[in-house]
Amino acid sequence: MRQPDRIIRMDTVRDRTGLSRSTIYRKIAEGTFPPQIKISINGAGWRESDINRWVADPVAWRPGSGRGLDAV
């Protein structure tokens, strides 16, 4: 059985990537970093699997690659 994907918040993303908050948002705007997903009215986070894929190969990362959930 496949484990559910965890949602991680900004502090965890910054720790794992070594990027600053402003760099993360700039890269999201450029399309070179996984976008956030809404988890509540005022909260957002990232799929852990997306961040893991980006950390493994930041140059080759593209939106939707490797998840199989492109339509979602």
C-alpha atoms as a PDB file:
ATOM      1  CA  MET A   1       0.000   0.000   0.000  1.00  0.00           C
ATOM      2  CA  ARG A   2       1.288   3.431  -0.927  1.00  0.00           C
ATOM      3  CA  GLN A   3       1.953   5.979   1.833  1.00  0.00           C
ATOM      4  CA  PRO A   4      -0.075   9.200   1.620  1.00  0.00           C
ATOM      5  CA  ASP A   5       1.894  12.276   0.609  1.00  0.00           C
ATOM      6  CA  ARG A   6       2.577  14.584   3.549  1.00  0.00           C
ATOM      7  CA  ILE A   7       2.095  18.333   3.338  1.00  0.00           C
ATOM      8  CA  ILE A   8       5.078  20.326   4.564  1.00  0.00           C
ATOM      9  CA  ARG A   9       5.224  24.003   5.471  1.00  0.00           C
ATOM     10  CA  MET A  10       7.624  26.822   4.578  1.00  0.00           C
ATOM     11  CA  ASP A  11      10.147  26.266   7.394  1.00  0.00           C
ATOM     12  CA  THR A  12      10.592  22.620   6.407  1.00  0.00           C
ATOM     13  CA  VAL A  13      10.895  23.531   2.716  1.00  0.00           C
ATOM     14  CA  ARG A  14      13.530  26.155   3.536  1.00  0.00           C
ATOM     15  CA  ASP A  15      15.478  23.649   5.667  1.00  0.00           C
ATOM     16  CA  ARG A  16      15.402  20.953   2.969  1.00  0.00           C
ATOM     17  CA  THR A  17      16.218  23.192   0.010  1.00  0.00           C
ATOM     18  CA  GLY A  18      18.536  25.776   1.557  1.00  0.00           C
ATOM     19  CA  LEU A  19      16.603  28.494  -0.277  1.00  0.00           C
ATOM     20  CA  SER A  20      15.309  31.727   1.217  1.00  0.00           C
ATOM     21  CA  ARG A  21      11.606  32.531   1.311  1.00  0.00           C
ATOM     22  CA  SER A  22      11.953  35.153  -1.425  1.00  0.00           C
ATOM     23  CA  THR A  23      13.919  32.780  -3.676  1.00  0.00           C
ATOM     24  CA  ILE A  24      11.258  30.083  -3.264  1.00  0.00           C
ATOM     25  CA  TYR A  25       8.489  32.491  -4.316  1.00  0.00           C
ATOM     26  CA  ARG A  26      10.571  33.822  -7.231  1.00  0.00           C
ATOM     27  CA  LYS A  27      11.221  30.290  -8.474  1.00  0.00           C
ATOM     28  CA  ILE A  28       7.504  29.429  -8.163  1.00  0.00           C
ATOM     29  CA  ALA A  29       6.710  32.465 -10.338  1.00  0.00           C
ATOM     30  CA  GLU A  30       9.355  31.351 -12.872  1.00  0.00           C
ATOM     31  CA  GLY A  31       7.922  27.816 -12.937  1.00  0.00           C
ATOM     32  CA  THR A  32      11.142  26.235 -11.634  1.00  0.00           C
ATOM     33  CA  PHE A  33       9.920  25.224  -8.169  1.00  0.00           C
ATOM     34  CA  PRO A  34       6.859  23.260  -7.018  1.00  0.00           C
ATOM     35  CA  PRO A  35       3.867  25.512  -6.321  1.00  0.00           C
ATOM     36  CA  GLN A  36       2.102  25.557  -2.977  1.00  0.00           C
ATOM     37  CA  ILE A  37      -1.231  23.898  -2.422  1.00  0.00           C
ATOM     38  CA  LYS A  38      -3.973  25.466  -0.332  1.00  0.00           C
ATOM     39  CA  ILE A  39      -4.595  23.574   2.920  1.00  0.00           C
ATOM     40  CA  SER A  40      -6.889  26.045   4.683  1.00  0.00           C
ATOM     41  CA  ILE A  41      -8.243  29.566   4.300  1.00  0.00           C
ATOM     42  CA  ASN A  42      -4.957  31.135   5.394  1.00  0.00           C
ATOM     43  CA  GLY A  43      -2.585  28.191   5.071  1.00  0.00           C
ATOM     44  CA  ALA A  44      -0.612  26.602   2.291  1.00  0.00           C
ATOM     45  CA  GLY A  45       2.053  23.955   2.019  1.00  0.00           C
ATOM     46  CA  TRP A  46       3.899  21.722  -0.409  1.00  0.00           C
ATOM     47  CA  ARG A  47       3.598  18.054  -1.227  1.00  0.00           C
ATOM     48  CA  GLU A  48       6.638  16.392   0.310  1.00  0.00           C
ATOM     49  CA  SER A  49       7.136  14.275  -2.814  1.00  0.00           C
ATOM     50  CA  ASP A  50       7.348  17.413  -4.998  1.00  0.00           C
ATOM     51  CA  ILE A  51      10.022  18.922  -2.770  1.00  0.00           C
ATOM     52  CA  ASN A  52      11.938  15.626  -2.655  1.00  0.00           C
ATOM     53  CA  ARG A  53      11.917  15.460  -6.480  1.00  0.00           C
ATOM     54  CA  TRP A  54      13.091  19.083  -6.705  1.00  0.00           C
ATOM     55  CA  VAL A  55      15.920  18.477  -4.203  1.00  0.00           C
ATOM     56  CA  ALA A  56      17.001  15.352  -6.119  1.00  0.00           C
ATOM     57  CA  ASP A  57      17.272  17.247  -9.434  1.00  0.00           C
ATOM     58  CA  PRO A  58      16.412  20.965  -9.337  1.00  0.00           C
ATOM     59  CA  VAL A  59      17.513  21.642 -12.914  1.00  0.00           C
ATOM     60  CA  ALA A  60      15.328  18.950 -14.467  1.00  0.00           C
ATOM     61  CA  TRP A  61      12.250  19.563 -12.277  1.00  0.00           C
ATOM     62  CA  ARG A  62       9.153  20.631 -14.187  1.00  0.00           C
ATOM     63  CA  PRO A  63       5.567  21.090 -12.975  1.00  0.00           C
ATOM     64  CA  GLY A  64       3.608  17.839 -12.912  1.00  0.00           C
ATOM     65  CA  SER A  65       6.560  15.631 -13.785  1.00  0.00           C
ATOM     66  CA  GLY A  66       6.622  12.293 -12.023  1.00  0.00           C
ATOM     67  CA  ARG A  67       3.428  12.621  -9.969  1.00  0.00           C
ATOM     68  CA  GLY A  68       0.880  11.145 -12.302  1.00  0.00           C
ATOM     69  CA  LEU A  69      -1.683  13.614 -10.953  1.00  0.00           C
ATOM     70  CA  ASP A  70      -1.380  16.287 -13.632  1.00  0.00           C
ATOM     71  CA  ALA A  71      -5.136  16.521 -14.069  1.00  0.00           C
ATOM     72  CA  VAL A  72      -5.739  17.093 -10.359  1.00  0.00           C
END
